[in-house]
Amino acid sequence: MPTSPRLRYLLVLDFEATCDDTHHVVPREEMEIIEFPTILYDIKEDKVEATFHEYVRPTLHPTLTQFCTNLTGIQQNTVDAASPFPEVWQRFQEFLRTHGILDAPSSAAFLTCGDWDLKTMLPLQLRHSGITEAFTSSGAVVPPFDRWINVKRSYKLCHRLRYAKGMDGMLRHANMELEGRHHSGIDDCKNILRLVRKLRRDGWNPKDDLPPTSEGSYR
């Protein structure tokens, strides 16, 4: 039986989505991804291999709330000019394919700031968009989207903190300044990667916090 490739890449991901401060205009179950950024980080070489970044045009609630624009900085004309999610999703698949990740899903793991992006938002968006092939027969999202490292948990464990911190809190604890805009997906990805590099200097190994694959391997 062939062995799975060892973990080589981290896919640092941070979605932004439609929202409002009351959940009446945009109910939680009708939120849609409007920014899809991912940084492909080569663990061994300690370098950014590639970046994927697109905005997404929402369809359930195509007009952004003022709260959403104020929070994310994303403007209405930006999403109006963007592609709908199915098209962006296909281009992201090609991005992963180009870097060999679809052929060897265990060579990469997503890393997010919390569980929401891949536990909640991606499955919700895939169902909104009718992308049924992204799910297994058991209802789970297909690899490599079925496992991820939560950097909040990793940072807490590595630094033996009592409570997990958000991105701002982790940056302050690390004596780092926020670079760019908080809740800009791509800027958040860059700041999260800075924290990843700090964790690695402190002795953290991403593999130690890696959930198992569907086959039960932690490679």
N, C-alpha and C. Protein backbone atom coordinates (compact mmCIF):
# COMPACT_ATOMS: atom_id res chain seq x y z
N MET A 1 0.85 -1.19 0.00
CA MET A 1 0.00 0.00 0.00
C MET A 1 0.88 1.24 0.00
N PRO A 2 0.71 2.18 -0.96
CA PRO A 2 1.56 3.35 -1.04
C PRO A 2 1.35 4.27 0.15
N THR A 3 2.42 4.92 0.59
CA THR A 3 2.32 5.86 1.70
C THR A 3 1.90 7.23 1.18
N SER A 4 1.19 7.98 2.04
CA SER A 4 0.76 9.33 1.66
C SER A 4 1.93 10.29 1.75
N PRO A 5 1.93 11.33 0.92
CA PRO A 5 3.00 12.32 1.00
C PRO A 5 3.01 13.01 2.36
N ARG A 6 4.20 13.35 2.81
CA ARG A 6 4.33 14.08 4.06
C ARG A 6 3.82 15.52 3.88
N LEU A 7 3.42 16.12 4.99
CA LEU A 7 2.93 17.49 4.95
C LEU A 7 4.03 18.43 4.48
N ARG A 8 3.77 19.13 3.40
CA ARG A 8 4.75 20.08 2.86
C ARG A 8 4.23 21.52 2.88
N TYR A 9 2.93 21.68 2.65
CA TYR A 9 2.36 23.03 2.51
C TYR A 9 1.31 23.32 3.57
N LEU A 10 1.21 24.59 3.92
CA LEU A 10 0.05 25.11 4.62
C LEU A 10 -0.71 26.03 3.68
N LEU A 11 -2.02 25.90 3.68
CA LEU A 11 -2.90 26.77 2.90
C LEU A 11 -3.58 27.72 3.87
N VAL A 12 -3.03 28.91 4.01
CA VAL A 12 -3.56 29.89 4.97
C VAL A 12 -4.76 30.58 4.34
N LEU A 13 -5.92 30.38 4.94
CA LEU A 13 -7.18 30.82 4.35
C LEU A 13 -7.98 31.65 5.34
N ASP A 14 -8.64 32.69 4.84
CA ASP A 14 -9.51 33.50 5.70
C ASP A 14 -10.61 34.13 4.84
N PHE A 15 -11.79 33.53 4.87
CA PHE A 15 -12.92 34.05 4.10
C PHE A 15 -13.46 35.33 4.72
N GLU A 16 -14.04 36.18 3.86
CA GLU A 16 -14.96 37.22 4.31
C GLU A 16 -16.31 36.92 3.67
N ALA A 17 -17.39 37.27 4.38
CA ALA A 17 -18.72 36.88 3.93
C ALA A 17 -19.72 38.01 4.14
N THR A 18 -20.84 37.92 3.41
CA THR A 18 -21.93 38.87 3.63
C THR A 18 -22.41 38.77 5.07
N CYS A 19 -22.82 39.89 5.62
CA CYS A 19 -23.23 39.90 7.03
C CYS A 19 -23.96 41.20 7.34
N ASP A 20 -24.65 41.21 8.46
CA ASP A 20 -25.15 42.45 9.05
C ASP A 20 -25.13 42.29 10.56
N ASP A 21 -25.29 43.37 11.28
CA ASP A 21 -25.12 43.32 12.72
C ASP A 21 -26.36 42.83 13.46
N THR A 22 -27.44 42.57 12.73
CA THR A 22 -28.67 42.10 13.38
C THR A 22 -29.01 40.66 13.01
N HIS A 23 -28.44 40.16 11.91
CA HIS A 23 -28.74 38.83 11.36
C HIS A 23 -30.19 38.75 10.86
N HIS A 24 -30.82 39.90 10.66
CA HIS A 24 -32.18 39.92 10.09
C HIS A 24 -32.12 40.18 8.59
N VAL A 25 -31.24 41.08 8.17
CA VAL A 25 -31.09 41.37 6.74
C VAL A 25 -30.40 40.20 6.04
N VAL A 26 -29.33 39.72 6.65
CA VAL A 26 -28.60 38.55 6.14
C VAL A 26 -28.57 37.50 7.25
N PRO A 27 -29.52 36.58 7.28
CA PRO A 27 -29.50 35.53 8.30
C PRO A 27 -28.21 34.71 8.20
N ARG A 28 -27.79 34.15 9.31
CA ARG A 28 -26.55 33.37 9.33
C ARG A 28 -26.54 32.27 8.28
N GLU A 29 -27.70 31.63 8.09
CA GLU A 29 -27.78 30.51 7.15
C GLU A 29 -27.80 30.97 5.70
N GLU A 30 -27.81 32.30 5.46
CA GLU A 30 -27.79 32.82 4.10
C GLU A 30 -26.54 33.65 3.82
N MET A 31 -25.55 33.57 4.71
CA MET A 31 -24.29 34.26 4.45
C MET A 31 -23.60 33.65 3.24
N GLU A 32 -22.86 34.48 2.51
CA GLU A 32 -22.15 34.02 1.30
C GLU A 32 -20.72 34.56 1.31
N ILE A 33 -19.80 33.78 0.80
CA ILE A 33 -18.41 34.20 0.69
C ILE A 33 -18.30 35.34 -0.31
N ILE A 34 -17.60 36.41 0.09
CA ILE A 34 -17.37 37.52 -0.84
C ILE A 34 -15.88 37.80 -1.07
N GLU A 35 -15.02 37.19 -0.26
CA GLU A 35 -13.58 37.27 -0.50
C GLU A 35 -12.97 35.91 -0.22
N PHE A 36 -12.17 35.43 -1.18
CA PHE A 36 -11.62 34.07 -1.12
C PHE A 36 -10.11 34.18 -1.29
N PRO A 37 -9.36 34.37 -0.19
CA PRO A 37 -7.90 34.44 -0.28
C PRO A 37 -7.24 33.21 0.33
N THR A 38 -6.17 32.76 -0.27
CA THR A 38 -5.39 31.65 0.26
C THR A 38 -3.92 31.87 -0.07
N ILE A 39 -3.07 31.73 0.94
CA ILE A 39 -1.62 31.80 0.73
C ILE A 39 -1.06 30.38 0.85
N LEU A 40 -0.36 29.93 -0.18
CA LEU A 40 0.28 28.61 -0.17
C LEU A 40 1.69 28.78 0.37
N TYR A 41 1.90 28.23 1.56
CA TYR A 41 3.17 28.39 2.27
C TYR A 41 3.93 27.08 2.28
N ASP A 42 5.17 27.11 1.78
CA ASP A 42 6.05 25.94 1.77
C ASP A 42 6.73 25.85 3.12
N ILE A 43 6.37 24.83 3.91
CA ILE A 43 6.88 24.70 5.26
C ILE A 43 8.39 24.47 5.26
N LYS A 44 8.86 23.55 4.43
CA LYS A 44 10.29 23.21 4.42
C LYS A 44 11.15 24.39 4.01
N GLU A 45 10.70 25.12 2.98
CA GLU A 45 11.51 26.23 2.46
C GLU A 45 11.22 27.55 3.17
N ASP A 46 10.19 27.57 4.03
CA ASP A 46 9.78 28.79 4.73
C ASP A 46 9.56 29.94 3.75
N LYS A 47 8.73 29.68 2.75
CA LYS A 47 8.47 30.74 1.77
C LYS A 47 7.05 30.62 1.24
N VAL A 48 6.55 31.73 0.74
CA VAL A 48 5.25 31.73 0.07
C VAL A 48 5.44 31.20 -1.35
N GLU A 49 4.77 30.10 -1.63
CA GLU A 49 4.88 29.48 -2.95
C GLU A 49 3.96 30.16 -3.96
N ALA A 50 2.76 30.56 -3.52
CA ALA A 50 1.79 31.17 -4.43
C ALA A 50 0.65 31.76 -3.60
N THR A 51 -0.11 32.64 -4.23
CA THR A 51 -1.26 33.26 -3.58
C THR A 51 -2.46 33.21 -4.51
N PHE A 52 -3.60 32.84 -3.95
CA PHE A 52 -4.88 32.90 -4.66
C PHE A 52 -5.72 33.96 -3.97
N HIS A 53 -6.29 34.86 -4.76
CA HIS A 53 -7.12 35.91 -4.15
C HIS A 53 -8.15 36.40 -5.16
N GLU A 54 -9.41 36.16 -4.83
CA GLU A 54 -10.50 36.68 -5.66
C GLU A 54 -11.64 37.15 -4.77
N TYR A 55 -12.35 38.15 -5.27
CA TYR A 55 -13.62 38.54 -4.66
C TYR A 55 -14.72 37.74 -5.34
N VAL A 56 -15.87 37.66 -4.68
CA VAL A 56 -16.96 36.80 -5.13
C VAL A 56 -18.26 37.60 -5.13
N ARG A 57 -19.04 37.44 -6.18
CA ARG A 57 -20.34 38.14 -6.27
C ARG A 57 -21.41 37.32 -5.56
N PRO A 58 -22.02 37.85 -4.50
CA PRO A 58 -23.09 37.12 -3.81
C PRO A 58 -24.37 37.13 -4.63
N THR A 59 -25.19 36.11 -4.44
CA THR A 59 -26.43 36.01 -5.22
C THR A 59 -27.68 36.01 -4.36
N LEU A 60 -27.60 35.50 -3.14
CA LEU A 60 -28.78 35.51 -2.27
C LEU A 60 -29.09 36.91 -1.78
N HIS A 61 -28.05 37.62 -1.39
CA HIS A 61 -28.16 39.01 -0.94
C HIS A 61 -27.09 39.81 -1.68
N PRO A 62 -27.38 40.19 -2.93
CA PRO A 62 -26.32 40.80 -3.76
C PRO A 62 -25.89 42.18 -3.31
N THR A 63 -26.71 42.87 -2.52
CA THR A 63 -26.33 44.21 -2.04
C THR A 63 -25.70 44.09 -0.65
N LEU A 64 -24.48 44.54 -0.52
CA LEU A 64 -23.79 44.49 0.77
C LEU A 64 -24.43 45.46 1.74
N THR A 65 -24.50 45.06 2.99
CA THR A 65 -24.97 45.99 4.02
C THR A 65 -23.85 46.98 4.34
N GLN A 66 -24.24 48.13 4.89
CA GLN A 66 -23.22 49.10 5.29
C GLN A 66 -22.32 48.52 6.37
N PHE A 67 -22.91 47.71 7.25
CA PHE A 67 -22.12 47.05 8.29
C PHE A 67 -21.03 46.18 7.67
N CYS A 68 -21.37 45.42 6.64
CA CYS A 68 -20.41 44.53 5.98
C CYS A 68 -19.28 45.32 5.34
N THR A 69 -19.64 46.40 4.65
CA THR A 69 -18.61 47.23 4.00
C THR A 69 -17.71 47.88 5.04
N ASN A 70 -18.30 48.39 6.13
CA ASN A 70 -17.49 49.00 7.18
C ASN A 70 -16.56 47.98 7.83
N LEU A 71 -17.03 46.76 8.00
CA LEU A 71 -16.24 45.72 8.66
C LEU A 71 -15.09 45.25 7.78
N THR A 72 -15.39 44.94 6.52
CA THR A 72 -14.42 44.29 5.64
C THR A 72 -13.67 45.24 4.72
N GLY A 73 -14.24 46.42 4.50
CA GLY A 73 -13.67 47.35 3.53
C GLY A 73 -14.02 47.00 2.09
N ILE A 74 -14.80 45.95 1.88
CA ILE A 74 -15.16 45.53 0.53
C ILE A 74 -16.31 46.39 0.02
N GLN A 75 -16.12 46.95 -1.15
CA GLN A 75 -17.11 47.87 -1.73
C GLN A 75 -18.09 47.14 -2.64
N GLN A 76 -19.26 47.74 -2.80
CA GLN A 76 -20.29 47.13 -3.64
C GLN A 76 -19.81 46.93 -5.08
N ASN A 77 -19.11 47.92 -5.62
CA ASN A 77 -18.66 47.79 -7.01
C ASN A 77 -17.63 46.67 -7.18
N THR A 78 -16.93 46.33 -6.09
CA THR A 78 -15.95 45.24 -6.14
C THR A 78 -16.66 43.90 -6.33
N VAL A 79 -17.69 43.65 -5.53
CA VAL A 79 -18.39 42.36 -5.67
C VAL A 79 -19.26 42.34 -6.92
N ASP A 80 -19.78 43.49 -7.33
CA ASP A 80 -20.58 43.54 -8.56
C ASP A 80 -19.75 43.11 -9.77
N ALA A 81 -18.46 43.44 -9.74
CA ALA A 81 -17.57 43.11 -10.86
C ALA A 81 -16.96 41.71 -10.75
N ALA A 82 -17.21 41.04 -9.64
CA ALA A 82 -16.60 39.73 -9.40
C ALA A 82 -17.42 38.60 -10.01
N SER A 83 -16.82 37.43 -10.07
CA SER A 83 -17.52 36.24 -10.57
C SER A 83 -18.34 35.62 -9.44
N PRO A 84 -19.41 34.89 -9.78
CA PRO A 84 -20.14 34.14 -8.75
C PRO A 84 -19.28 32.99 -8.22
N PHE A 85 -19.67 32.45 -7.09
CA PHE A 85 -18.84 31.46 -6.40
C PHE A 85 -18.48 30.25 -7.25
N PRO A 86 -19.40 29.63 -8.00
CA PRO A 86 -19.00 28.43 -8.76
C PRO A 86 -17.81 28.67 -9.68
N GLU A 87 -17.73 29.84 -10.28
CA GLU A 87 -16.60 30.14 -11.17
C GLU A 87 -15.31 30.32 -10.38
N VAL A 88 -15.41 31.01 -9.25
CA VAL A 88 -14.22 31.21 -8.41
C VAL A 88 -13.76 29.86 -7.85
N TRP A 89 -14.71 29.03 -7.47
CA TRP A 89 -14.39 27.70 -6.94
C TRP A 89 -13.62 26.87 -7.97
N GLN A 90 -14.04 26.92 -9.21
CA GLN A 90 -13.34 26.18 -10.25
C GLN A 90 -11.93 26.69 -10.45
N ARG A 91 -11.74 27.99 -10.37
CA ARG A 91 -10.39 28.54 -10.51
C ARG A 91 -9.53 28.17 -9.31
N PHE A 92 -10.14 28.07 -8.14
CA PHE A 92 -9.36 27.64 -6.97
C PHE A 92 -8.96 26.17 -7.10
N GLN A 93 -9.85 25.35 -7.66
CA GLN A 93 -9.47 23.95 -7.91
C GLN A 93 -8.27 23.88 -8.84
N GLU A 94 -8.26 24.73 -9.85
CA GLU A 94 -7.14 24.74 -10.79
C GLU A 94 -5.86 25.21 -10.09
N PHE A 95 -5.99 26.18 -9.20
CA PHE A 95 -4.85 26.65 -8.40
C PHE A 95 -4.26 25.48 -7.60
N LEU A 96 -5.12 24.72 -6.93
CA LEU A 96 -4.66 23.56 -6.16
C LEU A 96 -4.06 22.49 -7.06
N ARG A 97 -4.69 22.28 -8.21
CA ARG A 97 -4.20 21.27 -9.15
C ARG A 97 -2.82 21.65 -9.68
N THR A 98 -2.64 22.92 -9.99
CA THR A 98 -1.36 23.40 -10.52
C THR A 98 -0.21 23.11 -9.56
N HIS A 99 -0.50 23.16 -8.27
CA HIS A 99 0.55 22.95 -7.26
C HIS A 99 0.55 21.53 -6.70
N GLY A 100 -0.16 20.64 -7.37
CA GLY A 100 -0.09 19.22 -7.04
C GLY A 100 -0.90 18.79 -5.82
N ILE A 101 -1.74 19.67 -5.32
CA ILE A 101 -2.42 19.37 -4.06
C ILE A 101 -3.64 18.48 -4.28
N LEU A 102 -4.33 18.63 -5.38
CA LEU A 102 -5.47 17.74 -5.63
C LEU A 102 -5.03 16.31 -5.87
N ASP A 103 -3.84 16.15 -6.44
CA ASP A 103 -3.32 14.80 -6.67
C ASP A 103 -2.75 14.18 -5.39
N ALA A 104 -2.36 15.02 -4.45
CA ALA A 104 -1.79 14.52 -3.19
C ALA A 104 -2.32 15.38 -2.04
N PRO A 105 -3.60 15.21 -1.69
CA PRO A 105 -4.22 16.08 -0.69
C PRO A 105 -3.51 16.09 0.66
N SER A 106 -2.90 14.99 1.05
CA SER A 106 -2.25 14.94 2.36
C SER A 106 -0.93 15.70 2.39
N SER A 107 -0.48 16.22 1.24
CA SER A 107 0.74 17.03 1.22
C SER A 107 0.50 18.44 1.72
N ALA A 108 -0.78 18.80 1.92
CA ALA A 108 -1.12 20.16 2.34
C ALA A 108 -2.21 20.12 3.39
N ALA A 109 -2.22 21.14 4.22
CA ALA A 109 -3.30 21.30 5.20
C ALA A 109 -3.69 22.76 5.25
N PHE A 110 -4.98 23.00 5.33
CA PHE A 110 -5.44 24.37 5.53
C PHE A 110 -5.12 24.81 6.94
N LEU A 111 -4.90 26.10 7.10
CA LEU A 111 -4.71 26.71 8.40
C LEU A 111 -5.57 27.95 8.47
N THR A 112 -6.40 28.03 9.48
CA THR A 112 -7.36 29.12 9.62
C THR A 112 -7.30 29.69 11.04
N CYS A 113 -7.87 30.86 11.21
CA CYS A 113 -7.95 31.49 12.53
C CYS A 113 -9.34 31.20 13.08
N GLY A 114 -9.51 30.02 13.66
CA GLY A 114 -10.81 29.54 14.10
C GLY A 114 -11.29 28.43 13.18
N ASP A 115 -12.44 27.88 13.51
CA ASP A 115 -12.99 26.76 12.74
C ASP A 115 -14.06 27.18 11.74
N TRP A 116 -14.54 28.41 11.83
CA TRP A 116 -15.70 28.85 11.06
C TRP A 116 -15.53 28.70 9.55
N ASP A 117 -14.37 29.06 9.04
CA ASP A 117 -14.17 29.12 7.58
C ASP A 117 -14.50 27.79 6.90
N LEU A 118 -13.93 26.70 7.41
CA LEU A 118 -14.07 25.41 6.75
C LEU A 118 -15.11 24.51 7.40
N LYS A 119 -15.40 24.72 8.67
CA LYS A 119 -16.43 23.93 9.33
C LYS A 119 -17.83 24.40 8.98
N THR A 120 -18.00 25.71 8.86
CA THR A 120 -19.33 26.30 8.68
C THR A 120 -19.51 26.96 7.32
N MET A 121 -18.61 27.90 6.99
CA MET A 121 -18.88 28.76 5.83
C MET A 121 -18.72 28.05 4.51
N LEU A 122 -17.67 27.28 4.35
CA LEU A 122 -17.47 26.61 3.06
C LEU A 122 -18.59 25.60 2.76
N PRO A 123 -18.95 24.69 3.69
CA PRO A 123 -20.07 23.79 3.39
C PRO A 123 -21.37 24.54 3.09
N LEU A 124 -21.62 25.63 3.82
CA LEU A 124 -22.82 26.43 3.57
C LEU A 124 -22.80 27.00 2.16
N GLN A 125 -21.67 27.56 1.75
CA GLN A 125 -21.56 28.15 0.42
C GLN A 125 -21.68 27.10 -0.68
N LEU A 126 -21.05 25.96 -0.48
CA LEU A 126 -21.13 24.90 -1.48
C LEU A 126 -22.57 24.44 -1.67
N ARG A 127 -23.33 24.38 -0.58
CA ARG A 127 -24.74 24.00 -0.69
C ARG A 127 -25.54 25.10 -1.38
N HIS A 128 -25.29 26.35 -1.03
CA HIS A 128 -25.96 27.47 -1.72
C HIS A 128 -25.74 27.37 -3.22
N SER A 129 -24.52 27.03 -3.61
CA SER A 129 -24.14 27.03 -5.02
C SER A 129 -24.44 25.71 -5.73
N GLY A 130 -24.95 24.74 -5.00
CA GLY A 130 -25.31 23.46 -5.61
C GLY A 130 -24.13 22.65 -6.10
N ILE A 131 -22.98 22.79 -5.44
CA ILE A 131 -21.77 22.08 -5.86
C ILE A 131 -21.72 20.75 -5.11
N THR A 132 -22.52 19.82 -5.53
CA THR A 132 -22.68 18.56 -4.81
C THR A 132 -21.44 17.67 -4.89
N GLU A 133 -20.64 17.82 -5.94
CA GLU A 133 -19.46 16.96 -6.09
C GLU A 133 -18.38 17.28 -5.05
N ALA A 134 -18.56 18.38 -4.31
CA ALA A 134 -17.59 18.72 -3.27
C ALA A 134 -17.84 17.97 -1.97
N PHE A 135 -18.87 17.14 -1.94
CA PHE A 135 -19.19 16.38 -0.73
C PHE A 135 -19.03 14.88 -0.98
N THR A 136 -18.62 14.17 0.07
CA THR A 136 -18.55 12.72 0.00
C THR A 136 -19.94 12.14 0.24
N SER A 137 -20.08 10.84 0.10
CA SER A 137 -21.37 10.19 0.31
C SER A 137 -21.85 10.33 1.76
N SER A 138 -20.90 10.56 2.69
CA SER A 138 -21.27 10.73 4.10
C SER A 138 -21.64 12.16 4.44
N GLY A 139 -21.49 13.07 3.46
CA GLY A 139 -21.85 14.46 3.69
C GLY A 139 -20.69 15.36 4.07
N ALA A 140 -19.49 14.80 4.21
CA ALA A 140 -18.31 15.60 4.53
C ALA A 140 -17.78 16.27 3.26
N VAL A 141 -17.10 17.38 3.42
CA VAL A 141 -16.45 18.02 2.28
C VAL A 141 -15.22 17.19 1.90
N VAL A 142 -14.96 17.08 0.61
CA VAL A 142 -13.87 16.23 0.12
C VAL A 142 -12.50 16.79 0.54
N PRO A 143 -11.48 15.93 0.64
CA PRO A 143 -10.11 16.39 0.90
C PRO A 143 -9.65 17.34 -0.22
N PRO A 144 -8.80 18.30 0.09
CA PRO A 144 -8.17 18.56 1.39
C PRO A 144 -8.98 19.49 2.30
N PHE A 145 -10.25 19.72 1.95
CA PHE A 145 -11.06 20.69 2.70
C PHE A 145 -11.65 20.11 3.97
N ASP A 146 -11.38 18.84 4.25
CA ASP A 146 -12.00 18.16 5.38
C ASP A 146 -11.17 18.23 6.66
N ARG A 147 -10.02 18.86 6.62
CA ARG A 147 -9.21 19.00 7.83
C ARG A 147 -8.44 20.31 7.76
N TRP A 148 -8.18 20.86 8.93
CA TRP A 148 -7.47 22.13 8.99
C TRP A 148 -6.85 22.29 10.38
N ILE A 149 -5.86 23.16 10.43
CA ILE A 149 -5.22 23.53 11.69
C ILE A 149 -5.82 24.86 12.13
N ASN A 150 -6.30 24.91 13.36
CA ASN A 150 -6.83 26.15 13.95
C ASN A 150 -5.67 26.85 14.66
N VAL A 151 -5.20 27.95 14.09
CA VAL A 151 -4.01 28.60 14.64
C VAL A 151 -4.27 29.17 16.03
N LYS A 152 -5.51 29.47 16.36
CA LYS A 152 -5.82 29.93 17.72
C LYS A 152 -5.44 28.84 18.74
N ARG A 153 -5.82 27.62 18.42
CA ARG A 153 -5.52 26.50 19.32
C ARG A 153 -4.01 26.25 19.36
N SER A 154 -3.38 26.29 18.20
CA SER A 154 -1.94 26.04 18.15
C SER A 154 -1.17 27.08 18.96
N TYR A 155 -1.56 28.34 18.84
CA TYR A 155 -0.87 29.40 19.56
C TYR A 155 -1.08 29.24 21.07
N LYS A 156 -2.30 28.92 21.45
CA LYS A 156 -2.61 28.72 22.87
C LYS A 156 -1.75 27.60 23.46
N LEU A 157 -1.68 26.47 22.76
CA LEU A 157 -0.93 25.33 23.27
C LEU A 157 0.57 25.60 23.29
N CYS A 158 1.06 26.22 22.21
CA CYS A 158 2.50 26.47 22.12
C CYS A 158 2.98 27.41 23.23
N HIS A 159 2.15 28.41 23.55
CA HIS A 159 2.56 29.40 24.55
C HIS A 159 1.92 29.16 25.92
N ARG A 160 1.25 28.02 26.03
CA ARG A 160 0.67 27.61 27.31
C ARG A 160 -0.22 28.69 27.91
N LEU A 161 -1.09 29.23 27.07
CA LEU A 161 -2.02 30.26 27.51
C LEU A 161 -3.26 29.62 28.12
N ARG A 162 -3.91 30.34 28.97
CA ARG A 162 -5.13 29.81 29.61
C ARG A 162 -6.29 29.79 28.62
N TYR A 163 -6.35 30.84 27.79
CA TYR A 163 -7.45 30.95 26.83
C TYR A 163 -6.88 31.21 25.43
N ALA A 164 -7.61 30.75 24.43
CA ALA A 164 -7.24 31.06 23.04
C ALA A 164 -7.49 32.53 22.76
N LYS A 165 -6.69 33.11 21.91
CA LYS A 165 -6.81 34.51 21.53
C LYS A 165 -7.21 34.62 20.07
N GLY A 166 -7.87 35.74 19.72
CA GLY A 166 -8.13 36.04 18.33
C GLY A 166 -6.86 36.56 17.66
N MET A 167 -6.97 36.91 16.39
CA MET A 167 -5.78 37.33 15.67
C MET A 167 -5.15 38.57 16.29
N ASP A 168 -5.96 39.57 16.64
CA ASP A 168 -5.43 40.77 17.28
C ASP A 168 -4.69 40.42 18.57
N GLY A 169 -5.31 39.55 19.37
CA GLY A 169 -4.71 39.18 20.64
C GLY A 169 -3.42 38.42 20.47
N MET A 170 -3.36 37.53 19.49
CA MET A 170 -2.13 36.80 19.23
C MET A 170 -1.03 37.75 18.77
N LEU A 171 -1.37 38.69 17.91
CA LEU A 171 -0.36 39.66 17.45
C LEU A 171 0.17 40.48 18.61
N ARG A 172 -0.72 40.92 19.48
CA ARG A 172 -0.27 41.70 20.64
C ARG A 172 0.63 40.85 21.54
N HIS A 173 0.24 39.60 21.77
CA HIS A 173 1.04 38.72 22.61
C HIS A 173 2.42 38.50 22.01
N ALA A 174 2.48 38.47 20.67
CA ALA A 174 3.75 38.27 19.97
C ALA A 174 4.52 39.57 19.75
N ASN A 175 3.99 40.68 20.30
CA ASN A 175 4.62 42.00 20.12
C ASN A 175 4.74 42.37 18.65
N MET A 176 3.68 42.06 17.90
CA MET A 176 3.62 42.40 16.48
C MET A 176 2.51 43.42 16.24
N GLU A 177 2.73 44.31 15.32
CA GLU A 177 1.70 45.25 14.89
C GLU A 177 0.85 44.62 13.79
N LEU A 178 -0.44 44.94 13.81
CA LEU A 178 -1.30 44.53 12.70
C LEU A 178 -0.83 45.21 11.42
N GLU A 179 -0.67 44.44 10.36
CA GLU A 179 -0.30 45.00 9.06
C GLU A 179 -1.52 44.94 8.15
N GLY A 180 -1.86 46.08 7.54
CA GLY A 180 -3.03 46.12 6.67
C GLY A 180 -4.29 46.33 7.49
N ARG A 181 -5.39 45.80 6.99
CA ARG A 181 -6.70 46.02 7.59
C ARG A 181 -7.25 44.71 8.16
N HIS A 182 -7.67 44.75 9.42
CA HIS A 182 -8.33 43.59 10.00
C HIS A 182 -9.67 43.38 9.30
N HIS A 183 -10.00 42.13 9.01
CA HIS A 183 -11.20 41.71 8.26
C HIS A 183 -11.10 41.99 6.77
N SER A 184 -9.92 42.37 6.30
CA SER A 184 -9.60 42.18 4.88
C SER A 184 -9.05 40.77 4.81
N GLY A 185 -9.69 39.90 4.03
CA GLY A 185 -9.30 38.50 4.02
C GLY A 185 -7.83 38.30 3.68
N ILE A 186 -7.36 38.98 2.66
CA ILE A 186 -5.97 38.78 2.23
C ILE A 186 -5.00 39.34 3.27
N ASP A 187 -5.33 40.48 3.88
CA ASP A 187 -4.46 41.02 4.93
C ASP A 187 -4.46 40.11 6.16
N ASP A 188 -5.62 39.56 6.49
CA ASP A 188 -5.68 38.61 7.61
C ASP A 188 -4.80 37.39 7.33
N CYS A 189 -4.85 36.88 6.10
CA CYS A 189 -4.00 35.74 5.74
C CYS A 189 -2.52 36.07 5.95
N LYS A 190 -2.12 37.26 5.55
CA LYS A 190 -0.71 37.66 5.69
C LYS A 190 -0.32 37.77 7.15
N ASN A 191 -1.22 38.32 7.97
CA ASN A 191 -0.92 38.42 9.40
C ASN A 191 -0.90 37.06 10.07
N ILE A 192 -1.81 36.18 9.66
CA ILE A 192 -1.82 34.82 10.21
C ILE A 192 -0.51 34.11 9.85
N LEU A 193 -0.04 34.31 8.63
CA LEU A 193 1.22 33.68 8.24
C LEU A 193 2.39 34.23 9.07
N ARG A 194 2.36 35.49 9.42
CA ARG A 194 3.39 36.04 10.30
C ARG A 194 3.38 35.31 11.65
N LEU A 195 2.18 35.03 12.15
CA LEU A 195 2.07 34.29 13.40
C LEU A 195 2.57 32.85 13.25
N VAL A 196 2.28 32.24 12.10
CA VAL A 196 2.77 30.89 11.84
C VAL A 196 4.30 30.86 11.88
N ARG A 197 4.92 31.83 11.24
CA ARG A 197 6.38 31.88 11.24
C ARG A 197 6.94 32.10 12.65
N LYS A 198 6.24 32.93 13.43
CA LYS A 198 6.64 33.14 14.82
C LYS A 198 6.52 31.83 15.61
N LEU A 199 5.42 31.12 15.43
CA LEU A 199 5.23 29.84 16.11
C LEU A 199 6.34 28.86 15.75
N ARG A 200 6.70 28.82 14.49
CA ARG A 200 7.75 27.89 14.07
C ARG A 200 9.10 28.26 14.70
N ARG A 201 9.38 29.55 14.83
CA ARG A 201 10.62 29.97 15.50
C ARG A 201 10.59 29.56 16.98
N ASP A 202 9.39 29.48 17.53
CA ASP A 202 9.22 29.09 18.94
C ASP A 202 9.20 27.58 19.12
N GLY A 203 9.39 26.84 18.02
CA GLY A 203 9.50 25.39 18.12
C GLY A 203 8.27 24.60 17.73
N TRP A 204 7.24 25.28 17.25
CA TRP A 204 5.99 24.59 16.87
C TRP A 204 6.16 23.84 15.57
N ASN A 205 5.62 22.63 15.52
CA ASN A 205 5.61 21.83 14.29
C ASN A 205 4.15 21.69 13.84
N PRO A 206 3.79 22.20 12.66
CA PRO A 206 2.39 22.11 12.21
C PRO A 206 1.83 20.69 12.25
N LYS A 207 2.66 19.70 11.99
CA LYS A 207 2.20 18.32 11.97
C LYS A 207 1.61 17.89 13.31
N ASP A 208 2.11 18.50 14.40
CA ASP A 208 1.65 18.11 15.73
C ASP A 208 0.19 18.47 15.97
N ASP A 209 -0.33 19.47 15.24
CA ASP A 209 -1.71 19.91 15.43
C ASP A 209 -2.60 19.53 14.25
N LEU A 210 -2.11 18.62 13.44
CA LEU A 210 -2.83 18.26 12.22
C LEU A 210 -3.87 17.18 12.50
N PRO A 211 -5.14 17.44 12.21
CA PRO A 211 -6.15 16.38 12.35
C PRO A 211 -5.87 15.25 11.37
N PRO A 212 -6.41 14.07 11.63
CA PRO A 212 -6.16 12.95 10.72
C PRO A 212 -6.86 13.13 9.40
N THR A 213 -6.34 12.47 8.37
CA THR A 213 -7.05 12.39 7.10
C THR A 213 -8.21 11.43 7.25
N SER A 214 -9.04 11.33 6.22
CA SER A 214 -10.16 10.40 6.25
C SER A 214 -9.70 8.96 6.37
N GLU A 215 -8.43 8.70 6.00
CA GLU A 215 -7.87 7.35 6.13
C GLU A 215 -7.25 7.12 7.50
N GLY A 216 -7.28 8.17 8.34
CA GLY A 216 -6.75 8.02 9.69
C GLY A 216 -5.28 8.36 9.84
N SER A 217 -4.65 8.86 8.79
CA SER A 217 -3.23 9.19 8.85
C SER A 217 -3.03 10.64 9.30
N TYR A 218 -1.93 10.89 10.04
CA TYR A 218 -1.58 12.24 10.47
C TYR A 218 -0.39 12.77 9.67
N ARG A 219 -0.11 12.23 8.56
CA ARG A 219 1.11 12.59 7.84
C ARG A 219 1.15 14.07 7.50
